[in-house]
Protein backbone atom coordinates (compact mmCIF):
# COMPACT_ATOMS: atom_id res chain seq x y z
CA MET A 1 51.50 -117.27 -62.01
CA GLN A 2 49.98 -114.34 -63.24
CA ARG A 3 46.79 -114.98 -61.91
CA LEU A 4 48.24 -115.65 -58.36
CA ASP A 5 50.40 -112.58 -58.02
CA LEU A 6 47.50 -110.55 -58.99
CA HIS A 7 45.38 -112.34 -56.29
CA LYS A 8 47.93 -112.06 -53.59
CA ALA A 9 48.18 -108.02 -54.36
CA ALA A 10 44.51 -107.77 -54.18
CA GLY A 11 44.32 -109.18 -51.11
CA ASP A 12 47.11 -107.05 -49.65
CA MET A 13 45.28 -103.78 -51.18
CA SER A 14 42.51 -105.35 -48.78
CA GLN A 15 44.33 -105.45 -46.12
CA GLU A 16 46.47 -102.31 -46.51
CA ALA A 17 43.01 -100.70 -46.93
CA SER A 18 41.69 -102.70 -43.83
CA GLU A 19 43.99 -101.57 -41.79
CA ASP A 20 43.85 -97.62 -42.55
CA GLY A 21 39.66 -98.31 -41.67
CA LEU A 22 41.00 -99.29 -38.38
CA LEU A 23 43.22 -96.84 -37.92
CA LEU A 24 40.62 -93.68 -38.89
CA ARG A 25 38.14 -95.52 -36.22
CA ARG A 26 40.17 -95.57 -33.63
CA CYS A 27 41.76 -91.48 -34.56
CA ARG A 28 37.86 -90.57 -34.81
CA ASP A 29 37.33 -91.80 -31.53
CA ARG A 30 40.48 -90.72 -29.72
CA LEU A 31 39.15 -86.93 -31.63
CA ALA A 32 35.61 -87.33 -30.57
CA ALA A 33 36.68 -88.48 -26.79
CA HIS A 34 39.47 -84.91 -26.75
CA ILE A 35 36.83 -82.55 -28.01
CA GLU A 36 34.17 -83.82 -25.74
CA SER A 37 36.59 -83.96 -22.06
CA ARG A 38 37.60 -80.49 -23.38
CA THR A 39 35.05 -78.59 -24.51
CA GLY A 40 31.78 -80.12 -23.32
CA VAL A 41 30.14 -80.74 -26.93
CA LYS A 42 29.48 -84.31 -27.45
CA VAL A 43 30.56 -85.32 -30.84
CA GLU A 44 30.26 -88.62 -33.18
CA PRO A 45 33.25 -90.45 -33.86
CA ALA A 46 32.10 -90.74 -37.36
CA GLU A 47 31.12 -87.18 -37.39
CA VAL A 48 34.27 -85.43 -36.27
CA SER A 49 35.93 -82.41 -38.75
CA LEU A 50 39.11 -80.49 -38.72
CA THR A 51 37.82 -78.11 -41.30
CA THR A 52 35.41 -77.04 -39.12
CA LYS A 53 32.20 -74.82 -39.08
CA GLN A 54 30.88 -72.65 -36.76
CA SER A 55 27.86 -75.26 -37.05
CA HIS A 56 30.26 -77.77 -34.97
CA ALA A 57 30.24 -75.97 -32.09
CA TYR A 58 33.94 -76.13 -31.98
CA THR A 59 37.32 -75.61 -33.18
CA TRP A 60 40.48 -76.41 -33.09
CA MET A 61 44.12 -74.97 -32.06
CA TYR A 62 47.31 -75.51 -33.19
CA THR A 63 51.10 -74.88 -33.78
CA THR A 64 52.39 -74.33 -37.05
CA GLU A 65 54.15 -77.82 -37.18
CA VAL A 66 50.74 -79.83 -37.86
CA ALA A 67 48.57 -77.12 -38.84
CA HIS A 68 49.31 -79.02 -42.45
CA LEU A 69 46.93 -81.81 -41.14
CA PHE A 70 43.98 -79.24 -40.54
CA SER A 71 43.90 -77.71 -44.39
CA LYS A 72 41.63 -81.33 -45.33
CA ASP A 73 39.22 -84.03 -43.50
CA LEU A 74 40.24 -87.04 -41.79
CA GLU A 75 38.86 -89.23 -44.44
CA ASN A 76 41.55 -87.37 -47.37
CA HIS A 77 44.35 -88.56 -44.99
CA GLU A 78 47.08 -90.92 -44.83
CA THR A 79 47.80 -93.66 -42.45
CA GLU A 80 50.71 -91.30 -41.05
CA ALA A 81 48.61 -88.83 -40.59
CA TYR A 82 46.05 -90.82 -38.57
CA GLN A 83 49.27 -91.80 -36.56
CA LYS A 84 50.23 -88.07 -36.25
CA LEU A 85 47.20 -86.99 -35.13
CA CYS A 86 46.20 -89.35 -32.34
CA ILE A 87 49.87 -89.53 -30.85
CA GLU A 88 49.76 -85.20 -30.55
CA VAL A 89 46.58 -84.86 -29.64
CA GLY A 90 46.13 -82.43 -27.04
CA ARG A 91 50.09 -81.34 -27.32
CA SER A 92 50.49 -80.08 -30.93
CA PHE A 93 46.50 -79.06 -31.49
CA TYR A 94 43.24 -79.43 -29.28
CA ALA A 95 39.97 -78.27 -29.34
CA VAL A 96 38.38 -75.40 -28.19
CA SER A 97 34.83 -74.42 -27.82
CA PHE A 98 32.98 -71.60 -30.24
CA THR A 99 31.51 -69.96 -27.23
CA LYS A 100 33.43 -67.39 -25.50
CA SER A 101 32.80 -67.62 -22.34
CA ASN A 102 33.74 -71.36 -23.14
CA LEU A 103 36.79 -70.50 -24.40
CA ALA A 104 37.64 -68.21 -21.21
CA GLY A 105 36.87 -70.99 -19.18
CA SER A 106 39.04 -74.17 -20.28
CA GLN A 107 41.87 -71.63 -21.04
CA LEU A 108 42.17 -70.71 -16.78
CA ARG A 109 40.85 -74.21 -16.47
CA SER A 110 43.60 -75.86 -18.19
CA GLY A 111 46.59 -73.33 -18.27
CA SER A 112 48.38 -71.89 -21.67
CA PRO A 113 47.72 -73.50 -24.51
CA PRO A 114 50.71 -74.15 -26.80
CA PRO A 115 51.65 -71.09 -29.53
CA PHE A 116 48.45 -70.15 -31.74
CA CYS A 117 48.89 -71.01 -36.01
CA VAL A 118 46.82 -68.69 -37.47
CA PRO A 119 45.62 -70.10 -41.01
CA THR A 120 45.78 -67.82 -43.73
CA PHE A 121 42.62 -67.89 -46.70
CA ASN A 122 42.66 -66.96 -49.69
CA VAL A 123 38.62 -64.51 -49.26
CA ASP A 124 38.51 -64.55 -52.97
CA ALA A 125 37.77 -67.99 -53.28
CA MET A 126 35.21 -68.06 -50.51
CA GLU A 127 31.53 -67.61 -50.47
CA SER A 128 30.04 -65.02 -47.66
CA GLY A 129 28.84 -67.94 -45.39
CA GLU A 130 32.20 -69.12 -45.31
CA VAL A 131 34.19 -65.87 -44.81
CA THR A 132 31.66 -64.89 -41.93
CA GLU A 133 32.78 -67.91 -40.43
CA ARG A 134 36.61 -67.99 -40.76
CA VAL A 135 35.96 -64.23 -39.14
CA ALA A 136 34.46 -65.98 -36.16
CA LEU A 137 37.29 -68.76 -35.95
CA LEU A 138 39.68 -65.83 -36.10
CA SER A 139 37.85 -63.87 -34.16
CA HIS A 140 37.72 -66.42 -30.80
CA GLN A 141 41.76 -67.17 -31.81
CA LEU A 142 42.38 -63.58 -31.06
CA SER A 143 40.25 -63.97 -27.60
CA MET A 144 42.11 -67.00 -27.14
CA MET A 145 45.90 -65.54 -27.60
CA GLU A 146 43.88 -62.67 -25.15
CA THR A 147 43.14 -64.52 -22.55
CA SER A 148 46.12 -66.08 -22.53
CA ALA A 149 48.04 -63.12 -22.35
CA ALA A 150 45.67 -61.86 -19.26
CA TYR A 151 46.15 -65.03 -17.44
CA ASP A 152 49.94 -65.08 -18.06
CA ALA A 153 50.05 -61.83 -16.46
CA ILE A 154 47.57 -62.24 -13.30
CA THR A 155 50.49 -65.32 -12.67
CA ARG A 156 52.80 -63.12 -12.46
CA VAL A 157 51.63 -60.94 -10.52
CA GLN A 158 50.71 -62.99 -8.24
CA LEU A 159 53.75 -64.84 -7.97
CA GLN A 160 55.08 -61.84 -6.98
CA GLU A 161 52.75 -61.47 -4.43
CA THR A 162 53.66 -64.77 -2.94
CA ILE A 163 57.62 -64.34 -3.69
CA ALA A 164 57.20 -60.99 -1.62
CA THR A 165 55.06 -62.71 1.37
CA LEU A 166 57.48 -65.65 1.48
CA GLU A 167 60.49 -62.83 2.16
CA TYR A 168 58.17 -61.20 4.44
CA GLU A 169 57.57 -63.75 5.75
CA ASN A 170 61.04 -65.44 6.08
CA GLU A 171 61.96 -61.75 7.34
CA ARG A 172 59.81 -62.47 10.07
CA LEU A 173 60.89 -65.41 11.49
CA ALA A 174 64.94 -64.05 11.41
CA GLN A 175 63.94 -61.62 13.26
CA GLU A 176 62.07 -63.87 15.66
CA ALA A 177 65.26 -66.43 15.73
CA ARG A 178 67.67 -63.45 16.03
CA GLN A 179 65.02 -62.31 19.24
CA GLN A 180 65.44 -65.96 20.81
CA ARG A 181 69.32 -66.08 20.38
CA GLU A 182 69.95 -62.98 21.29
CA ASP A 183 67.09 -63.72 24.79
CA ALA A 184 68.71 -67.00 25.16
CA VAL A 185 72.28 -65.15 26.00
CA TYR A 186 70.52 -62.80 28.14
CA HIS A 187 69.28 -65.34 30.19
CA ARG A 188 71.86 -67.50 30.19
CA ASP A 189 74.63 -64.41 31.20
CA PHE A 190 71.64 -63.57 33.88
CA PHE A 191 72.06 -67.03 35.42
CA TYR A 192 75.84 -67.12 35.51
CA ARG A 193 75.20 -64.31 37.18
CA LEU A 194 72.73 -65.78 39.71
CA LEU A 195 75.36 -68.37 40.87
CA GLU A 196 78.05 -66.48 40.96
CA ALA A 197 76.09 -64.23 43.46
CA THR A 198 74.52 -66.99 45.47
CA ASP A 199 78.72 -68.12 45.87
CA GLN A 200 79.49 -64.93 46.54
CA LEU A 201 76.83 -65.12 49.38
CA ASN A 202 77.01 -68.17 50.81
CA LEU A 203 81.11 -66.81 51.10
CA THR A 204 79.86 -64.48 52.82
CA ILE A 205 77.76 -66.31 55.37
CA GLY A 206 80.27 -68.52 56.32
CA ASP A 207 82.82 -66.04 56.97
CA ILE A 208 80.28 -64.28 59.62
CA HIS A 209 79.37 -67.35 61.25
CA GLN A 210 82.99 -68.37 61.41
CA ASP A 211 83.58 -64.94 62.98
């Protein structure tokens, strides 16, 4: 009986591990496709990393709600994290290129990003190369924030200009409508006066003929 229980437990563990592995592969596929669509950087699913370095040519922007997911790499996460990553990719976090021009271009094409989360680092425990990479990452995050602010400012100006143009056009059309109504009233009154004058002329002619 004990052997059967052990065999069943081993089978359950094997099935659970298999399901976790399948979900991990699905998560890697989803993230790799997202990275390529957002940045143009083609990454093999097995090489997708949440803790990126500059050599990856991409990094992640994310909200505080999912920041904990980026504290360690995929293979060190649990099933719940894989599910969360698959659901939130492109919503609470998204990939950006390490190239500044690509960052700006991606921002302008795709609209405003979600709120930024700037992670904290233990600088004393980091190697010089890691510090350089983190500085580059934070610089790019700052660039994205500045780009977002500039984009929002440009959008506001364009919106204000559009509103002003529409208000001007609306007033012009209203003036034209008023003028058309006034012209219609004038022509109607003129027509009525003309009819009255014609009737009066006909009466006068009739009186002359009778005389």
